[in-house]
Amino acid sequence: MSRLVLDVSVSLDGFTTGPDVREEEPMGDGGERLHEWHAGKGPDGGVDLGVVREDTAVGAVLIGRRTFDLGLGPWGGTPWPGVPSFVVTHRTREDLRGDNGGTFAFDGLKAAARRAKDAAGDKEVWVLGADVARQLLRAGLLDEVRIHLVPVLLGEGTRLFAGERAELVPVGKPVAGAVTHLRYRVSKP
């Protein structure tokens, strides 16, 4: 059965975006720096590329509404071509087919999570957006957290788990490339 996995790059001071997130800068001012490690450049960049290659079992995506609104243009469709994406929202609408072959479906948190898991089959459901990640954690639905800790201080932006509490159990050892890659299972009572 599929798992709900948050795979996110975070600044050393705990932000998933830079300040002033807007249409022209969907990651906020300086926020794109959080994803530069994907290119494998920098010290031990080959390690980072290995992490990227490992994380390919995406069967569906669960997205917050704001992430969808800001990401649709740059993505040109779903975040992963052809992969179904489920947008968590109170403003439901008809499904939307992306230019890259994927479909967006719109639903409430629990229904969207259930539908995404069904669509993913034995692959993972990746979670995009700090707000929807917090909602899933609060609802006891988030299974795993993968953090890519980027050595940059953004000073402001979107905090990852602002105000939430949870017990996280390490999965494996940290892996260090240009950034430090951490994996945790969310402990459920």
C-alpha atoms as a PDB file:
ATOM      1  CA  MET A   1       0.000   0.000   0.000  1.00  0.00           C
ATOM      2  CA  SER A   2       1.221   3.498  -0.739  1.00  0.00           C
ATOM      3  CA  ARG A   3       2.510   5.947   1.845  1.00  0.00           C
ATOM      4  CA  LEU A   4       2.143   9.718   2.126  1.00  0.00           C
ATOM      5  CA  VAL A   5       5.670  11.144   1.964  1.00  0.00           C
ATOM      6  CA  LEU A   6       6.733  14.749   2.404  1.00  0.00           C
ATOM      7  CA  ASP A   7       9.948  15.234   0.424  1.00  0.00           C
ATOM      8  CA  VAL A   8      11.057  18.836   0.945  1.00  0.00           C
ATOM      9  CA  SER A   9      14.093  21.088   0.771  1.00  0.00           C
ATOM     10  CA  VAL A  10      14.438  23.329   3.830  1.00  0.00           C
ATOM     11  CA  SER A  11      16.808  26.159   4.673  1.00  0.00           C
ATOM     12  CA  LEU A  12      18.960  25.809   7.753  1.00  0.00           C
ATOM     13  CA  ASP A  13      16.624  28.260   9.515  1.00  0.00           C
ATOM     14  CA  GLY A  14      13.547  26.131   8.718  1.00  0.00           C
ATOM     15  CA  PHE A  15      11.956  27.744   5.648  1.00  0.00           C
ATOM     16  CA  THR A  16      10.550  25.929   2.597  1.00  0.00           C
ATOM     17  CA  THR A  17      10.282  29.162   0.593  1.00  0.00           C
ATOM     18  CA  GLY A  18      11.893  32.568   0.697  1.00  0.00           C
ATOM     19  CA  PRO A  19       9.933  35.678   1.669  1.00  0.00           C
ATOM     20  CA  ASP A  20       7.308  37.302  -0.568  1.00  0.00           C
ATOM     21  CA  VAL A  21       5.919  34.249  -2.385  1.00  0.00           C
ATOM     22  CA  ARG A  22       4.059  35.459  -5.478  1.00  0.00           C
ATOM     23  CA  GLU A  23       3.265  34.491  -9.055  1.00  0.00           C
ATOM     24  CA  GLU A  24       6.522  35.959 -10.411  1.00  0.00           C
ATOM     25  CA  GLU A  25       8.531  34.191  -7.673  1.00  0.00           C
ATOM     26  CA  PRO A  26       6.602  31.025  -6.659  1.00  0.00           C
ATOM     27  CA  MET A  27       9.417  30.028  -4.282  1.00  0.00           C
ATOM     28  CA  GLY A  28       9.716  33.550  -2.842  1.00  0.00           C
ATOM     29  CA  ASP A  29      12.789  35.745  -2.948  1.00  0.00           C
ATOM     30  CA  GLY A  30      15.831  33.476  -2.944  1.00  0.00           C
ATOM     31  CA  GLY A  31      13.725  30.333  -2.517  1.00  0.00           C
ATOM     32  CA  GLU A  32      14.945  28.687  -5.727  1.00  0.00           C
ATOM     33  CA  ARG A  33      18.290  28.262  -3.966  1.00  0.00           C
ATOM     34  CA  LEU A  34      16.628  25.470  -1.982  1.00  0.00           C
ATOM     35  CA  HIS A  35      16.459  23.315  -5.107  1.00  0.00           C
ATOM     36  CA  GLU A  36      19.876  23.978  -6.660  1.00  0.00           C
ATOM     37  CA  TRP A  37      21.225  20.764  -5.139  1.00  0.00           C
ATOM     38  CA  HIS A  38      19.152  18.759  -7.660  1.00  0.00           C
ATOM     39  CA  ALA A  39      21.719  19.685 -10.333  1.00  0.00           C
ATOM     40  CA  GLY A  40      24.478  17.829  -8.474  1.00  0.00           C
ATOM     41  CA  LYS A  41      26.803  20.810  -8.375  1.00  0.00           C
ATOM     42  CA  GLY A  42      28.808  21.805  -5.342  1.00  0.00           C
ATOM     43  CA  PRO A  43      30.844  19.701  -2.945  1.00  0.00           C
ATOM     44  CA  ASP A  44      29.902  16.014  -3.147  1.00  0.00           C
ATOM     45  CA  GLY A  45      27.153  16.806  -5.683  1.00  0.00           C
ATOM     46  CA  GLY A  46      27.294  13.227  -6.922  1.00  0.00           C
ATOM     47  CA  VAL A  47      25.827  12.152  -3.583  1.00  0.00           C
ATOM     48  CA  ASP A  48      22.892  14.522  -4.165  1.00  0.00           C
ATOM     49  CA  LEU A  49      22.299  13.091  -7.653  1.00  0.00           C
ATOM     50  CA  GLY A  50      22.205   9.627  -6.088  1.00  0.00           C
ATOM     51  CA  VAL A  51      19.456  10.785  -3.717  1.00  0.00           C
ATOM     52  CA  VAL A  52      17.494  12.221  -6.644  1.00  0.00           C
ATOM     53  CA  ARG A  53      17.790   8.898  -8.527  1.00  0.00           C
ATOM     54  CA  GLU A  54      16.585   6.936  -5.468  1.00  0.00           C
ATOM     55  CA  ASP A  55      13.423   9.003  -5.113  1.00  0.00           C
ATOM     56  CA  THR A  56      11.614   8.007  -8.299  1.00  0.00           C
ATOM     57  CA  ALA A  57       8.682   5.939  -7.000  1.00  0.00           C
ATOM     58  CA  VAL A  58       6.093   8.734  -7.268  1.00  0.00           C
ATOM     59  CA  GLY A  59       2.668   7.272  -8.042  1.00  0.00           C
ATOM     60  CA  ALA A  60       0.561  10.323  -7.171  1.00  0.00           C
ATOM     61  CA  VAL A  61       0.994  13.811  -5.754  1.00  0.00           C
ATOM     62  CA  LEU A  62      -0.961  15.583  -3.019  1.00  0.00           C
ATOM     63  CA  ILE A  63      -0.756  19.367  -3.369  1.00  0.00           C
ATOM     64  CA  GLY A  64      -1.956  22.319  -1.351  1.00  0.00           C
ATOM     65  CA  ARG A  65      -4.181  24.784  -3.207  1.00  0.00           C
ATOM     66  CA  ARG A  66      -1.678  27.649  -3.038  1.00  0.00           C
ATOM     67  CA  THR A  67       1.124  25.415  -4.325  1.00  0.00           C
ATOM     68  CA  PHE A  68      -1.162  24.398  -7.203  1.00  0.00           C
ATOM     69  CA  ASP A  69      -2.090  28.004  -7.990  1.00  0.00           C
ATOM     70  CA  LEU A  70       1.552  29.108  -8.069  1.00  0.00           C
ATOM     71  CA  GLY A  71       3.009  25.966  -9.661  1.00  0.00           C
ATOM     72  CA  LEU A  72       0.646  25.325 -12.560  1.00  0.00           C
ATOM     73  CA  GLY A  73       2.298  27.855 -14.864  1.00  0.00           C
ATOM     74  CA  PRO A  74       5.934  26.879 -14.244  1.00  0.00           C
ATOM     75  CA  TRP A  75       5.135  23.142 -14.296  1.00  0.00           C
ATOM     76  CA  GLY A  76       3.067  23.355 -17.481  1.00  0.00           C
ATOM     77  CA  GLY A  77       0.827  20.679 -15.993  1.00  0.00           C
ATOM     78  CA  THR A  78       1.292  18.236 -13.137  1.00  0.00           C
ATOM     79  CA  PRO A  79       4.602  18.348 -11.224  1.00  0.00           C
ATOM     80  CA  TRP A  80       5.567  14.934 -12.659  1.00  0.00           C
ATOM     81  CA  PRO A  81       4.392  14.397 -16.245  1.00  0.00           C
ATOM     82  CA  GLY A  82       1.521  11.935 -16.438  1.00  0.00           C
ATOM     83  CA  VAL A  83       1.291  11.464 -12.658  1.00  0.00           C
ATOM     84  CA  PRO A  84      -2.149  12.168 -11.134  1.00  0.00           C
ATOM     85  CA  SER A  85      -2.182  15.083  -8.706  1.00  0.00           C
ATOM     86  CA  PHE A  86      -4.773  15.757  -6.018  1.00  0.00           C
ATOM     87  CA  VAL A  87      -5.271  19.327  -4.844  1.00  0.00           C
ATOM     88  CA  VAL A  88      -6.430  19.796  -1.248  1.00  0.00           C
ATOM     89  CA  THR A  89      -8.998  22.579  -1.261  1.00  0.00           C
ATOM     90  CA  HIS A  90     -12.360  23.759   0.014  1.00  0.00           C
ATOM     91  CA  ARG A  91     -12.987  25.200  -3.463  1.00  0.00           C
ATOM     92  CA  THR A  92     -13.564  22.044  -5.484  1.00  0.00           C
ATOM     93  CA  ARG A  93     -13.964  22.118  -9.247  1.00  0.00           C
ATOM     94  CA  GLU A  94     -13.950  19.791 -12.247  1.00  0.00           C
ATOM     95  CA  ASP A  95     -10.762  17.836 -12.898  1.00  0.00           C
ATOM     96  CA  LEU A  96      -8.134  19.672 -14.920  1.00  0.00           C
ATOM     97  CA  ARG A  97      -5.929  17.948 -17.469  1.00  0.00           C
ATOM     98  CA  GLY A  98      -2.395  19.367 -17.559  1.00  0.00           C
ATOM     99  CA  ASP A  99      -0.487  20.005 -20.754  1.00  0.00           C
ATOM    100  CA  ASN A 100       1.928  17.196 -19.838  1.00  0.00           C
ATOM    101  CA  GLY A 101      -0.624  14.389 -19.581  1.00  0.00           C
ATOM    102  CA  GLY A 102      -1.334  14.466 -15.857  1.00  0.00           C
ATOM    103  CA  THR A 103      -4.688  15.232 -14.268  1.00  0.00           C
ATOM    104  CA  PHE A 104      -5.465  17.456 -11.285  1.00  0.00           C
ATOM    105  CA  ALA A 105      -8.405  16.445  -9.080  1.00  0.00           C
ATOM    106  CA  PHE A 106      -9.750  18.751  -6.356  1.00  0.00           C
ATOM    107  CA  ASP A 107     -11.059  17.538  -2.980  1.00  0.00           C
ATOM    108  CA  GLY A 108     -10.921  17.963   0.797  1.00  0.00           C
ATOM    109  CA  LEU A 109      -7.937  16.722   2.822  1.00  0.00           C
ATOM    110  CA  LYS A 110      -9.030  13.197   3.773  1.00  0.00           C
ATOM    111  CA  ALA A 111     -10.754  12.449   0.470  1.00  0.00           C
ATOM    112  CA  ALA A 112      -7.801  13.766  -1.553  1.00  0.00           C
ATOM    113  CA  ALA A 113      -5.355  11.694   0.533  1.00  0.00           C
ATOM    114  CA  ARG A 114      -7.461   8.553   0.085  1.00  0.00           C
ATOM    115  CA  ARG A 115      -7.833   9.108  -3.661  1.00  0.00           C
ATOM    116  CA  ALA A 116      -4.112   9.804  -4.067  1.00  0.00           C
ATOM    117  CA  LYS A 117      -3.193   6.590  -2.225  1.00  0.00           C
ATOM    118  CA  ASP A 118      -5.603   4.603  -4.393  1.00  0.00           C
ATOM    119  CA  ALA A 119      -4.149   6.141  -7.561  1.00  0.00           C
ATOM    120  CA  ALA A 120      -0.542   5.521  -6.461  1.00  0.00           C
ATOM    121  CA  GLY A 121      -0.996   1.774  -6.016  1.00  0.00           C
ATOM    122  CA  ASP A 122       2.275   0.422  -4.600  1.00  0.00           C
ATOM    123  CA  LYS A 123       4.189   3.651  -5.288  1.00  0.00           C
ATOM    124  CA  GLU A 124       4.465   6.664  -2.985  1.00  0.00           C
ATOM    125  CA  VAL A 125       2.232   9.736  -2.726  1.00  0.00           C
ATOM    126  CA  TRP A 126       4.432  12.815  -2.545  1.00  0.00           C
ATOM    127  CA  VAL A 127       3.183  15.818  -0.626  1.00  0.00           C
ATOM    128  CA  LEU A 128       3.867  19.342  -1.952  1.00  0.00           C
ATOM    129  CA  GLY A 129       3.269  22.410   0.194  1.00  0.00           C
ATOM    130  CA  ALA A 130       4.023  23.196   3.837  1.00  0.00           C
ATOM    131  CA  ASP A 131       0.398  23.957   4.707  1.00  0.00           C
ATOM    132  CA  VAL A 132      -0.989  20.671   3.404  1.00  0.00           C
ATOM    133  CA  ALA A 133       1.918  18.841   5.104  1.00  0.00           C
ATOM    134  CA  ARG A 134       0.932  20.431   8.441  1.00  0.00           C
ATOM    135  CA  GLN A 135      -2.711  19.450   7.883  1.00  0.00           C
ATOM    136  CA  LEU A 136      -1.742  15.846   7.112  1.00  0.00           C
ATOM    137  CA  LEU A 137       0.517  15.674  10.169  1.00  0.00           C
ATOM    138  CA  ARG A 138      -2.254  17.063  12.386  1.00  0.00           C
ATOM    139  CA  ALA A 139      -4.746  14.531  10.962  1.00  0.00           C
ATOM    140  CA  GLY A 140      -2.344  11.611  11.555  1.00  0.00           C
ATOM    141  CA  LEU A 141      -2.110  10.871   7.824  1.00  0.00           C
ATOM    142  CA  LEU A 142       1.541  11.713   7.051  1.00  0.00           C
ATOM    143  CA  ASP A 143       3.743   8.594   7.005  1.00  0.00           C
ATOM    144  CA  GLU A 144       7.250   9.832   6.245  1.00  0.00           C
ATOM    145  CA  VAL A 145       9.253  13.056   6.128  1.00  0.00           C
ATOM    146  CA  ARG A 146      12.331  13.449   3.919  1.00  0.00           C
ATOM    147  CA  ILE A 147      14.198  16.661   4.542  1.00  0.00           C
ATOM    148  CA  HIS A 148      16.947  18.002   2.349  1.00  0.00           C
ATOM    149  CA  LEU A 149      18.668  20.491   4.662  1.00  0.00           C
ATOM    150  CA  VAL A 150      20.200  23.256   2.566  1.00  0.00           C
ATOM    151  CA  PRO A 151      23.048  25.322   4.082  1.00  0.00           C
ATOM    152  CA  VAL A 152      21.464  28.708   3.476  1.00  0.00           C
ATOM    153  CA  LEU A 153      19.686  31.127   5.798  1.00  0.00           C
ATOM    154  CA  LEU A 154      16.641  32.722   4.167  1.00  0.00           C
ATOM    155  CA  GLY A 155      15.630  34.745   7.229  1.00  0.00           C
ATOM    156  CA  GLU A 156      11.939  34.687   6.306  1.00  0.00           C
ATOM    157  CA  GLY A 157       9.504  32.638   4.267  1.00  0.00           C
ATOM    158  CA  THR A 158       7.212  29.690   4.837  1.00  0.00           C
ATOM    159  CA  ARG A 159       8.052  27.647   7.928  1.00  0.00           C
ATOM    160  CA  LEU A 160       7.810  23.900   7.482  1.00  0.00           C
ATOM    161  CA  PHE A 161       5.987  22.686  10.614  1.00  0.00           C
ATOM    162  CA  ALA A 162       5.249  25.945  12.420  1.00  0.00           C
ATOM    163  CA  GLY A 163       3.442  25.095  15.657  1.00  0.00           C
ATOM    164  CA  GLU A 164       3.082  21.338  15.046  1.00  0.00           C
ATOM    165  CA  ARG A 165       4.384  18.568  17.285  1.00  0.00           C
ATOM    166  CA  ALA A 166       5.174  14.981  16.371  1.00  0.00           C
ATOM    167  CA  GLU A 167       7.535  12.159  17.179  1.00  0.00           C
ATOM    168  CA  LEU A 168       9.809  11.400  14.223  1.00  0.00           C
ATOM    169  CA  VAL A 169      11.815   8.177  14.058  1.00  0.00           C
ATOM    170  CA  PRO A 170      15.030   8.233  11.979  1.00  0.00           C
ATOM    171  CA  VAL A 171      15.080   5.932   8.949  1.00  0.00           C
ATOM    172  CA  GLY A 172      18.662   5.115   8.035  1.00  0.00           C
ATOM    173  CA  LYS A 173      21.576   7.458   8.528  1.00  0.00           C
ATOM    174  CA  PRO A 174      21.885  11.031   7.272  1.00  0.00           C
ATOM    175  CA  VAL A 175      23.448  11.324   3.834  1.00  0.00           C
ATOM    176  CA  ALA A 176      25.623  14.374   3.162  1.00  0.00           C
ATOM    177  CA  GLY A 177      26.344  15.877  -0.220  1.00  0.00           C
ATOM    178  CA  ALA A 178      26.113  19.600  -0.920  1.00  0.00           C
ATOM    179  CA  VAL A 179      23.065  19.352   1.374  1.00  0.00           C
ATOM    180  CA  THR A 180      22.203  16.926   4.175  1.00  0.00           C
ATOM    181  CA  HIS A 181      19.468  14.395   3.415  1.00  0.00           C
ATOM    182  CA  LEU A 182      17.402  13.141   6.363  1.00  0.00           C
ATOM    183  CA  ARG A 183      14.565  10.590   6.510  1.00  0.00           C
ATOM    184  CA  TYR A 184      12.043  10.075   9.289  1.00  0.00           C
ATOM    185  CA  ARG A 185       9.015   7.887   9.845  1.00  0.00           C
ATOM    186  CA  VAL A 186       6.164   9.688  11.572  1.00  0.00           C
ATOM    187  CA  SER A 187       5.369   7.863  14.807  1.00  0.00           C
ATOM    188  CA  LYS A 188       1.633   7.276  15.152  1.00  0.00           C
ATOM    189  CA  PRO A 189       0.058   6.580  18.546  1.00  0.00           C
END
